[in-house]
Amino acid sequence: MYAKLINPLARITLLLGSLMIFNSVAAKDVTGNFQVADGVAIYIGLMPAQVVQGHPAAHEESRMHGGVPGGGSPVHLVVTLFDDATGQRITEAFVKAEVVELGLTPQRKELEMMHIADTVSYGNYFSLRSEGPYRIRLKIRLPEREKVVEATFSHNHKPK
């Protein structure tokens, strides 16, 4: 019944609009933890710090980054870098992160180099105190470049 009320041009416009919305939502879901900035492919991951808290005190991961912070909902931010043109992992970077809940004071930390299973990533702990949107800003210094690579990610935190 409603199909007869909408002319063919309006139906096509509605269909194209729906596809555009679907594609933009799908793209955000796929690329939410990845972007390329100045030729550097950047992947980020946030995992609950409780994953690390389950290790025995003598385990290396229990001591990394000075230990898991108290309060809030601590997470472990992990950043992995690749040269976008060659696919080669970047293993000699200096990475700083700023994690900020919108409207509040940012947490700023250097991300420490982590050697895991013959690979290199960078990470540190941050306390995400409430549910909601956070902005993660990265500044990446590579030894062979003068210009700092910068990237910003959005994270919608939902404590477990």
N, C-alpha and C. Protein backbone atom coordinates (compact mmCIF):
# COMPACT_ATOMS: atom_id res chain seq x y z
N MET A 1 0.82 -1.19 0.00
CA MET A 1 0.00 0.00 0.00
C MET A 1 0.87 1.27 0.00
N TYR A 2 1.89 1.32 0.92
CA TYR A 2 2.74 2.50 0.99
C TYR A 2 3.60 2.65 -0.25
N ALA A 3 3.96 1.52 -0.90
CA ALA A 3 4.80 1.58 -2.10
C ALA A 3 4.11 2.37 -3.20
N LYS A 4 2.79 2.28 -3.30
CA LYS A 4 2.06 3.02 -4.32
C LYS A 4 2.07 4.52 -4.05
N LEU A 5 2.22 4.89 -2.79
CA LEU A 5 2.19 6.31 -2.43
C LEU A 5 3.52 7.01 -2.71
N ILE A 6 4.60 6.24 -2.79
CA ILE A 6 5.92 6.84 -3.02
C ILE A 6 6.28 6.66 -4.48
N ASN A 7 6.59 7.76 -5.17
CA ASN A 7 6.92 7.65 -6.59
C ASN A 7 8.28 6.98 -6.78
N PRO A 8 8.57 6.47 -7.97
CA PRO A 8 9.81 5.72 -8.21
C PRO A 8 11.07 6.51 -7.89
N LEU A 9 11.12 7.79 -8.19
CA LEU A 9 12.30 8.60 -7.91
C LEU A 9 12.53 8.70 -6.40
N ALA A 10 11.45 8.88 -5.65
CA ALA A 10 11.57 8.96 -4.19
C ALA A 10 12.06 7.63 -3.62
N ARG A 11 11.61 6.50 -4.19
CA ARG A 11 12.06 5.19 -3.72
C ARG A 11 13.56 5.01 -3.95
N ILE A 12 14.02 5.42 -5.12
CA ILE A 12 15.45 5.32 -5.44
C ILE A 12 16.27 6.20 -4.51
N THR A 13 15.81 7.41 -4.28
CA THR A 13 16.50 8.33 -3.36
C THR A 13 16.57 7.75 -1.96
N LEU A 14 15.46 7.19 -1.50
CA LEU A 14 15.42 6.57 -0.17
C LEU A 14 16.38 5.39 -0.09
N LEU A 15 16.40 4.56 -1.12
CA LEU A 15 17.30 3.41 -1.16
C LEU A 15 18.76 3.85 -1.14
N LEU A 16 19.13 4.81 -1.98
CA LEU A 16 20.50 5.30 -2.02
C LEU A 16 20.91 5.93 -0.68
N GLY A 17 20.01 6.69 -0.09
CA GLY A 17 20.29 7.29 1.22
C GLY A 17 20.53 6.23 2.27
N SER A 18 19.72 5.18 2.27
CA SER A 18 19.87 4.09 3.23
C SER A 18 21.21 3.39 3.04
N LEU A 19 21.59 3.16 1.77
CA LEU A 19 22.88 2.51 1.50
C LEU A 19 24.05 3.37 1.96
N MET A 20 23.95 4.68 1.76
CA MET A 20 25.02 5.58 2.20
C MET A 20 25.16 5.54 3.71
N ILE A 21 24.04 5.54 4.43
CA ILE A 21 24.09 5.47 5.89
C ILE A 21 24.68 4.14 6.32
N PHE A 22 24.25 3.04 5.70
CA PHE A 22 24.76 1.72 6.06
C PHE A 22 26.27 1.66 5.82
N ASN A 23 26.73 2.16 4.67
CA ASN A 23 28.16 2.11 4.36
C ASN A 23 28.97 2.94 5.34
N SER A 24 28.47 4.10 5.75
CA SER A 24 29.23 4.93 6.67
C SER A 24 29.29 4.28 8.05
N VAL A 25 28.23 3.63 8.49
CA VAL A 25 28.24 2.95 9.77
C VAL A 25 29.19 1.76 9.70
N ALA A 26 29.14 0.98 8.63
CA ALA A 26 30.01 -0.18 8.49
C ALA A 26 31.47 0.27 8.45
N ALA A 27 31.78 1.36 7.76
CA ALA A 27 33.15 1.84 7.68
C ALA A 27 33.65 2.25 9.06
N LYS A 28 32.82 2.89 9.86
CA LYS A 28 33.24 3.28 11.20
C LYS A 28 33.53 2.06 12.06
N ASP A 29 32.71 1.01 11.93
CA ASP A 29 32.92 -0.20 12.71
C ASP A 29 34.23 -0.87 12.33
N VAL A 30 34.56 -0.90 11.05
CA VAL A 30 35.75 -1.58 10.57
C VAL A 30 37.00 -0.78 10.89
N THR A 31 36.94 0.54 10.77
CA THR A 31 38.15 1.35 10.89
C THR A 31 38.28 2.03 12.25
N GLY A 32 37.45 1.71 13.22
CA GLY A 32 37.49 2.39 14.51
C GLY A 32 38.80 2.24 15.25
N ASN A 33 39.54 1.18 14.99
CA ASN A 33 40.80 0.99 15.70
C ASN A 33 41.99 1.05 14.75
N PHE A 34 41.79 1.59 13.55
CA PHE A 34 42.86 1.65 12.54
C PHE A 34 42.77 2.95 11.76
N GLN A 35 43.95 3.50 11.46
CA GLN A 35 44.03 4.59 10.51
C GLN A 35 45.45 4.71 10.01
N VAL A 36 45.59 5.40 8.89
CA VAL A 36 46.90 5.67 8.32
C VAL A 36 47.14 7.16 8.44
N ALA A 37 48.29 7.53 9.01
CA ALA A 37 48.67 8.94 9.15
C ALA A 37 50.11 9.10 8.68
N ASP A 38 50.32 9.96 7.72
CA ASP A 38 51.66 10.23 7.19
C ASP A 38 52.42 8.96 6.85
N GLY A 39 51.73 8.01 6.23
CA GLY A 39 52.38 6.78 5.78
C GLY A 39 52.58 5.72 6.86
N VAL A 40 52.06 5.98 8.06
CA VAL A 40 52.17 5.01 9.16
C VAL A 40 50.79 4.39 9.40
N ALA A 41 50.71 3.06 9.28
CA ALA A 41 49.48 2.34 9.59
C ALA A 41 49.45 2.11 11.09
N ILE A 42 48.41 2.61 11.74
CA ILE A 42 48.32 2.60 13.20
C ILE A 42 47.12 1.76 13.62
N TYR A 43 47.38 0.77 14.45
CA TYR A 43 46.32 -0.05 15.02
C TYR A 43 46.33 0.17 16.52
N ILE A 44 45.16 0.36 17.11
CA ILE A 44 45.08 0.47 18.57
C ILE A 44 44.14 -0.60 19.11
N GLY A 45 44.38 -0.95 20.36
CA GLY A 45 43.50 -1.88 21.05
C GLY A 45 43.41 -1.48 22.51
N LEU A 46 42.25 -1.62 23.08
CA LEU A 46 42.03 -1.36 24.50
C LEU A 46 41.48 -2.63 25.13
N MET A 47 42.16 -3.11 26.15
CA MET A 47 41.65 -4.29 26.84
C MET A 47 41.57 -4.02 28.33
N PRO A 48 40.60 -4.62 29.00
CA PRO A 48 40.49 -4.41 30.45
C PRO A 48 41.77 -4.85 31.15
N ALA A 49 42.21 -4.06 32.12
CA ALA A 49 43.43 -4.39 32.86
C ALA A 49 43.26 -5.66 33.69
N GLN A 50 42.03 -6.07 33.94
CA GLN A 50 41.79 -7.29 34.70
C GLN A 50 42.43 -8.49 34.03
N VAL A 51 42.59 -8.43 32.72
CA VAL A 51 43.25 -9.52 31.99
C VAL A 51 44.66 -9.72 32.54
N VAL A 52 45.35 -8.61 32.81
CA VAL A 52 46.72 -8.67 33.32
C VAL A 52 46.71 -8.96 34.82
N GLN A 53 45.73 -8.46 35.54
CA GLN A 53 45.68 -8.66 36.99
C GLN A 53 45.57 -10.12 37.37
N GLY A 54 45.17 -10.98 36.45
CA GLY A 54 45.04 -12.40 36.75
C GLY A 54 46.37 -13.14 36.76
N HIS A 55 47.45 -12.48 36.29
CA HIS A 55 48.76 -13.14 36.28
C HIS A 55 49.36 -13.16 37.69
N PRO A 56 50.19 -14.16 37.99
CA PRO A 56 50.91 -14.16 39.27
C PRO A 56 51.82 -12.94 39.38
N ALA A 57 52.12 -12.48 40.59
CA ALA A 57 52.94 -11.29 40.81
C ALA A 57 54.30 -11.39 40.13
N ALA A 58 54.86 -12.59 40.01
CA ALA A 58 56.17 -12.76 39.40
C ALA A 58 56.13 -12.68 37.87
N HIS A 59 54.96 -12.76 37.28
CA HIS A 59 54.81 -12.72 35.82
C HIS A 59 55.18 -11.34 35.30
N GLU A 60 55.89 -11.31 34.18
CA GLU A 60 56.37 -10.05 33.59
C GLU A 60 55.24 -9.06 33.34
N GLU A 61 54.09 -9.54 32.87
CA GLU A 61 52.99 -8.63 32.54
C GLU A 61 52.37 -7.99 33.78
N SER A 62 52.53 -8.59 34.94
CA SER A 62 52.01 -8.00 36.18
C SER A 62 52.79 -6.75 36.56
N ARG A 63 54.03 -6.67 36.12
CA ARG A 63 54.90 -5.55 36.50
C ARG A 63 55.04 -4.49 35.39
N MET A 64 54.59 -4.80 34.19
CA MET A 64 54.83 -3.86 33.09
C MET A 64 54.12 -2.53 33.32
N HIS A 65 54.73 -1.49 32.84
CA HIS A 65 54.22 -0.12 32.92
C HIS A 65 54.04 0.34 34.37
N GLY A 66 54.76 -0.25 35.30
CA GLY A 66 54.65 0.16 36.70
C GLY A 66 53.45 -0.43 37.42
N GLY A 67 52.77 -1.37 36.81
CA GLY A 67 51.62 -2.02 37.44
C GLY A 67 50.31 -1.38 37.02
N VAL A 68 49.24 -2.09 37.28
CA VAL A 68 47.90 -1.65 36.91
C VAL A 68 47.46 -0.51 37.83
N PRO A 69 46.96 0.60 37.27
CA PRO A 69 46.51 1.71 38.12
C PRO A 69 45.24 1.34 38.88
N GLY A 70 45.06 1.96 40.01
CA GLY A 70 43.84 1.75 40.78
C GLY A 70 42.76 2.71 40.34
N GLY A 71 41.56 2.48 40.80
CA GLY A 71 40.44 3.39 40.54
C GLY A 71 39.91 3.30 39.13
N GLY A 72 38.73 3.79 38.97
CA GLY A 72 38.12 3.84 37.65
C GLY A 72 38.00 2.47 37.04
N SER A 73 38.11 2.42 35.76
CA SER A 73 38.07 1.18 35.00
C SER A 73 39.36 1.12 34.19
N PRO A 74 40.43 0.57 34.79
CA PRO A 74 41.73 0.61 34.11
C PRO A 74 41.74 -0.24 32.83
N VAL A 75 42.35 0.31 31.80
CA VAL A 75 42.49 -0.40 30.53
C VAL A 75 43.95 -0.36 30.10
N HIS A 76 44.31 -1.32 29.28
CA HIS A 76 45.65 -1.37 28.70
C HIS A 76 45.52 -0.95 27.25
N LEU A 77 46.12 0.20 26.91
CA LEU A 77 46.14 0.69 25.54
C LEU A 77 47.36 0.10 24.85
N VAL A 78 47.13 -0.57 23.72
CA VAL A 78 48.21 -1.16 22.94
C VAL A 78 48.17 -0.55 21.55
N VAL A 79 49.34 -0.12 21.05
CA VAL A 79 49.46 0.48 19.73
C VAL A 79 50.49 -0.31 18.93
N THR A 80 50.11 -0.66 17.72
CA THR A 80 51.02 -1.37 16.82
C THR A 80 51.15 -0.54 15.55
N LEU A 81 52.39 -0.41 15.06
CA LEU A 81 52.68 0.48 13.94
C LEU A 81 53.32 -0.29 12.79
N PHE A 82 52.95 0.09 11.58
CA PHE A 82 53.53 -0.48 10.37
C PHE A 82 53.79 0.62 9.36
N ASP A 83 54.81 0.44 8.52
CA ASP A 83 55.01 1.31 7.38
C ASP A 83 53.90 0.94 6.39
N ASP A 84 53.05 1.89 6.03
CA ASP A 84 51.89 1.58 5.20
C ASP A 84 52.30 1.13 3.81
N ALA A 85 53.40 1.64 3.27
CA ALA A 85 53.81 1.30 1.92
C ALA A 85 54.41 -0.11 1.83
N THR A 86 55.17 -0.49 2.84
CA THR A 86 55.88 -1.78 2.77
C THR A 86 55.26 -2.87 3.63
N GLY A 87 54.44 -2.49 4.59
CA GLY A 87 53.87 -3.47 5.52
C GLY A 87 54.84 -3.88 6.62
N GLN A 88 56.02 -3.27 6.64
CA GLN A 88 57.04 -3.59 7.65
C GLN A 88 56.64 -3.03 9.01
N ARG A 89 56.75 -3.84 10.06
CA ARG A 89 56.44 -3.39 11.42
C ARG A 89 57.46 -2.32 11.83
N ILE A 90 56.98 -1.28 12.50
CA ILE A 90 57.85 -0.21 13.00
C ILE A 90 58.23 -0.56 14.43
N THR A 91 59.53 -0.70 14.67
CA THR A 91 60.01 -1.18 15.97
C THR A 91 60.87 -0.18 16.73
N GLU A 92 61.08 1.00 16.16
CA GLU A 92 61.95 1.98 16.81
C GLU A 92 61.26 3.32 16.99
N ALA A 93 60.02 3.33 17.40
CA ALA A 93 59.27 4.58 17.55
C ALA A 93 59.21 5.01 19.01
N PHE A 94 58.94 6.27 19.21
CA PHE A 94 58.64 6.83 20.53
C PHE A 94 57.20 7.30 20.44
N VAL A 95 56.35 6.75 21.30
CA VAL A 95 54.92 7.01 21.19
C VAL A 95 54.40 7.61 22.49
N LYS A 96 53.68 8.71 22.36
CA LYS A 96 53.00 9.33 23.50
C LYS A 96 51.51 9.29 23.24
N ALA A 97 50.75 9.07 24.31
CA ALA A 97 49.29 9.02 24.18
C ALA A 97 48.65 9.98 25.15
N GLU A 98 47.57 10.57 24.70
CA GLU A 98 46.73 11.41 25.55
C GLU A 98 45.33 10.81 25.46
N VAL A 99 44.81 10.41 26.61
CA VAL A 99 43.46 9.84 26.67
C VAL A 99 42.62 10.81 27.48
N VAL A 100 41.53 11.27 26.88
CA VAL A 100 40.73 12.29 27.54
C VAL A 100 39.25 11.98 27.40
N GLU A 101 38.58 12.02 28.55
CA GLU A 101 37.13 11.97 28.54
C GLU A 101 36.68 13.38 28.17
N LEU A 102 35.79 13.49 27.24
CA LEU A 102 35.42 14.80 26.73
C LEU A 102 35.03 15.74 27.87
N GLY A 103 35.70 16.89 27.90
CA GLY A 103 35.40 17.91 28.90
C GLY A 103 36.23 17.80 30.17
N LEU A 104 37.06 16.77 30.30
CA LEU A 104 37.86 16.59 31.52
C LEU A 104 39.35 16.67 31.21
N THR A 105 40.16 16.64 32.26
CA THR A 105 41.61 16.74 32.12
C THR A 105 42.17 15.48 31.47
N PRO A 106 43.04 15.63 30.48
CA PRO A 106 43.59 14.45 29.80
C PRO A 106 44.63 13.72 30.66
N GLN A 107 44.73 12.42 30.43
CA GLN A 107 45.82 11.61 30.99
C GLN A 107 46.87 11.51 29.88
N ARG A 108 48.10 11.85 30.17
CA ARG A 108 49.18 11.80 29.17
C ARG A 108 50.26 10.84 29.67
N LYS A 109 50.66 9.93 28.80
CA LYS A 109 51.69 8.96 29.15
C LYS A 109 52.49 8.58 27.92
N GLU A 110 53.75 8.21 28.17
CA GLU A 110 54.54 7.59 27.12
C GLU A 110 54.13 6.13 27.04
N LEU A 111 54.05 5.62 25.83
CA LEU A 111 53.75 4.21 25.66
C LEU A 111 55.08 3.46 25.60
N GLU A 112 55.18 2.44 26.41
CA GLU A 112 56.43 1.68 26.51
C GLU A 112 56.48 0.60 25.44
N MET A 113 57.69 0.37 24.94
CA MET A 113 57.90 -0.69 23.97
C MET A 113 57.66 -2.04 24.65
N MET A 114 56.91 -2.91 23.99
CA MET A 114 56.60 -4.24 24.53
C MET A 114 57.02 -5.28 23.50
N HIS A 115 57.82 -6.23 23.94
CA HIS A 115 58.22 -7.34 23.07
C HIS A 115 57.32 -8.53 23.40
N ILE A 116 56.46 -8.89 22.46
CA ILE A 116 55.53 -10.00 22.67
C ILE A 116 55.62 -10.92 21.46
N ALA A 117 55.99 -12.17 21.70
CA ALA A 117 56.06 -13.20 20.65
C ALA A 117 56.85 -12.72 19.43
N ASP A 118 58.05 -12.23 19.66
CA ASP A 118 58.94 -11.76 18.59
C ASP A 118 58.37 -10.60 17.78
N THR A 119 57.50 -9.81 18.38
CA THR A 119 56.97 -8.61 17.74
C THR A 119 57.12 -7.44 18.70
N VAL A 120 56.95 -6.25 18.18
CA VAL A 120 57.03 -5.05 19.02
C VAL A 120 55.72 -4.27 18.90
N SER A 121 55.18 -3.91 20.05
CA SER A 121 54.04 -3.00 20.15
C SER A 121 54.38 -2.00 21.25
N TYR A 122 53.49 -1.04 21.47
CA TYR A 122 53.70 0.00 22.48
C TYR A 122 52.46 0.07 23.35
N GLY A 123 52.64 0.27 24.67
CA GLY A 123 51.46 0.29 25.50
C GLY A 123 51.65 0.93 26.85
N ASN A 124 50.53 1.16 27.52
CA ASN A 124 50.50 1.65 28.90
C ASN A 124 49.07 1.56 29.40
N TYR A 125 48.93 1.76 30.71
CA TYR A 125 47.62 1.71 31.35
C TYR A 125 47.02 3.10 31.48
N PHE A 126 45.70 3.16 31.36
CA PHE A 126 44.95 4.39 31.57
C PHE A 126 43.71 4.05 32.37
N SER A 127 43.25 4.99 33.20
CA SER A 127 42.02 4.80 33.97
C SER A 127 40.88 5.52 33.26
N LEU A 128 39.92 4.75 32.80
CA LEU A 128 38.73 5.32 32.18
C LEU A 128 37.63 5.25 33.22
N ARG A 129 37.33 6.38 33.81
CA ARG A 129 36.50 6.43 35.01
C ARG A 129 35.00 6.29 34.76
N SER A 130 34.55 6.58 33.56
CA SER A 130 33.11 6.51 33.35
C SER A 130 32.78 6.00 31.96
N GLU A 131 31.53 5.63 31.80
CA GLU A 131 31.05 5.20 30.50
C GLU A 131 30.89 6.43 29.63
N GLY A 132 31.26 6.31 28.38
CA GLY A 132 31.06 7.42 27.48
C GLY A 132 32.19 7.60 26.50
N PRO A 133 32.15 8.70 25.77
CA PRO A 133 33.15 8.93 24.73
C PRO A 133 34.48 9.42 25.28
N TYR A 134 35.55 8.87 24.74
CA TYR A 134 36.92 9.29 25.03
C TYR A 134 37.62 9.57 23.71
N ARG A 135 38.60 10.44 23.77
CA ARG A 135 39.43 10.72 22.61
C ARG A 135 40.84 10.26 22.94
N ILE A 136 41.45 9.54 22.01
CA ILE A 136 42.82 9.05 22.18
C ILE A 136 43.67 9.72 21.11
N ARG A 137 44.62 10.53 21.55
CA ARG A 137 45.52 11.22 20.62
C ARG A 137 46.90 10.61 20.75
N LEU A 138 47.49 10.27 19.62
CA LEU A 138 48.83 9.69 19.61
C LEU A 138 49.80 10.63 18.92
N LYS A 139 51.00 10.72 19.48
CA LYS A 139 52.11 11.43 18.84
C LYS A 139 53.23 10.42 18.70
N ILE A 140 53.63 10.19 17.46
CA ILE A 140 54.59 9.14 17.15
C ILE A 140 55.82 9.78 16.53
N ARG A 141 56.96 9.56 17.17
CA ARG A 141 58.22 10.07 16.64
C ARG A 141 59.01 8.88 16.11
N LEU A 142 59.38 8.99 14.83
CA LEU A 142 60.20 7.96 14.20
C LEU A 142 61.62 8.50 14.04
N PRO A 143 62.63 7.68 14.29
CA PRO A 143 64.01 8.17 14.26
C PRO A 143 64.42 8.82 12.93
N GLU A 144 63.88 8.34 11.81
CA GLU A 144 64.30 8.85 10.50
C GLU A 144 63.49 10.06 10.03
N ARG A 145 62.58 10.56 10.85
CA ARG A 145 61.73 11.69 10.45
C ARG A 145 61.82 12.83 11.45
N GLU A 146 61.73 14.03 10.92
CA GLU A 146 61.68 15.20 11.81
C GLU A 146 60.25 15.46 12.27
N LYS A 147 59.30 15.28 11.36
CA LYS A 147 57.90 15.57 11.66
C LYS A 147 57.29 14.46 12.52
N VAL A 148 56.58 14.86 13.56
CA VAL A 148 55.87 13.92 14.42
C VAL A 148 54.59 13.50 13.72
N VAL A 149 54.31 12.21 13.73
CA VAL A 149 53.07 11.67 13.17
C VAL A 149 52.01 11.76 14.25
N GLU A 150 50.86 12.32 13.91
CA GLU A 150 49.77 12.46 14.88
C GLU A 150 48.52 11.76 14.37
N ALA A 151 47.81 11.14 15.30
CA ALA A 151 46.56 10.45 14.96
C ALA A 151 45.61 10.57 16.14
N THR A 152 44.33 10.67 15.85
CA THR A 152 43.31 10.75 16.89
C THR A 152 42.26 9.68 16.65
N PHE A 153 41.90 8.99 17.73
CA PHE A 153 40.89 7.94 17.69
C PHE A 153 39.78 8.29 18.67
N SER A 154 38.60 7.81 18.40
CA SER A 154 37.48 7.93 19.33
C SER A 154 37.22 6.57 19.94
N HIS A 155 36.87 6.56 21.22
CA HIS A 155 36.57 5.31 21.92
C HIS A 155 35.34 5.54 22.77
N ASN A 156 34.33 4.70 22.60
CA ASN A 156 33.14 4.78 23.44
C ASN A 156 33.28 3.71 24.51
N HIS A 157 33.63 4.12 25.71
CA HIS A 157 33.95 3.19 26.79
C HIS A 157 32.70 2.65 27.47
N LYS A 158 32.68 1.34 27.62
CA LYS A 158 31.60 0.67 28.33
C LYS A 158 32.26 -0.27 29.33
N PRO A 159 32.42 0.17 30.59
CA PRO A 159 33.07 -0.69 31.59
C PRO A 159 32.33 -2.02 31.75
N LYS A 160 33.10 -3.04 31.99
CA LYS A 160 32.52 -4.38 32.18
C LYS A 160 32.10 -4.56 33.62
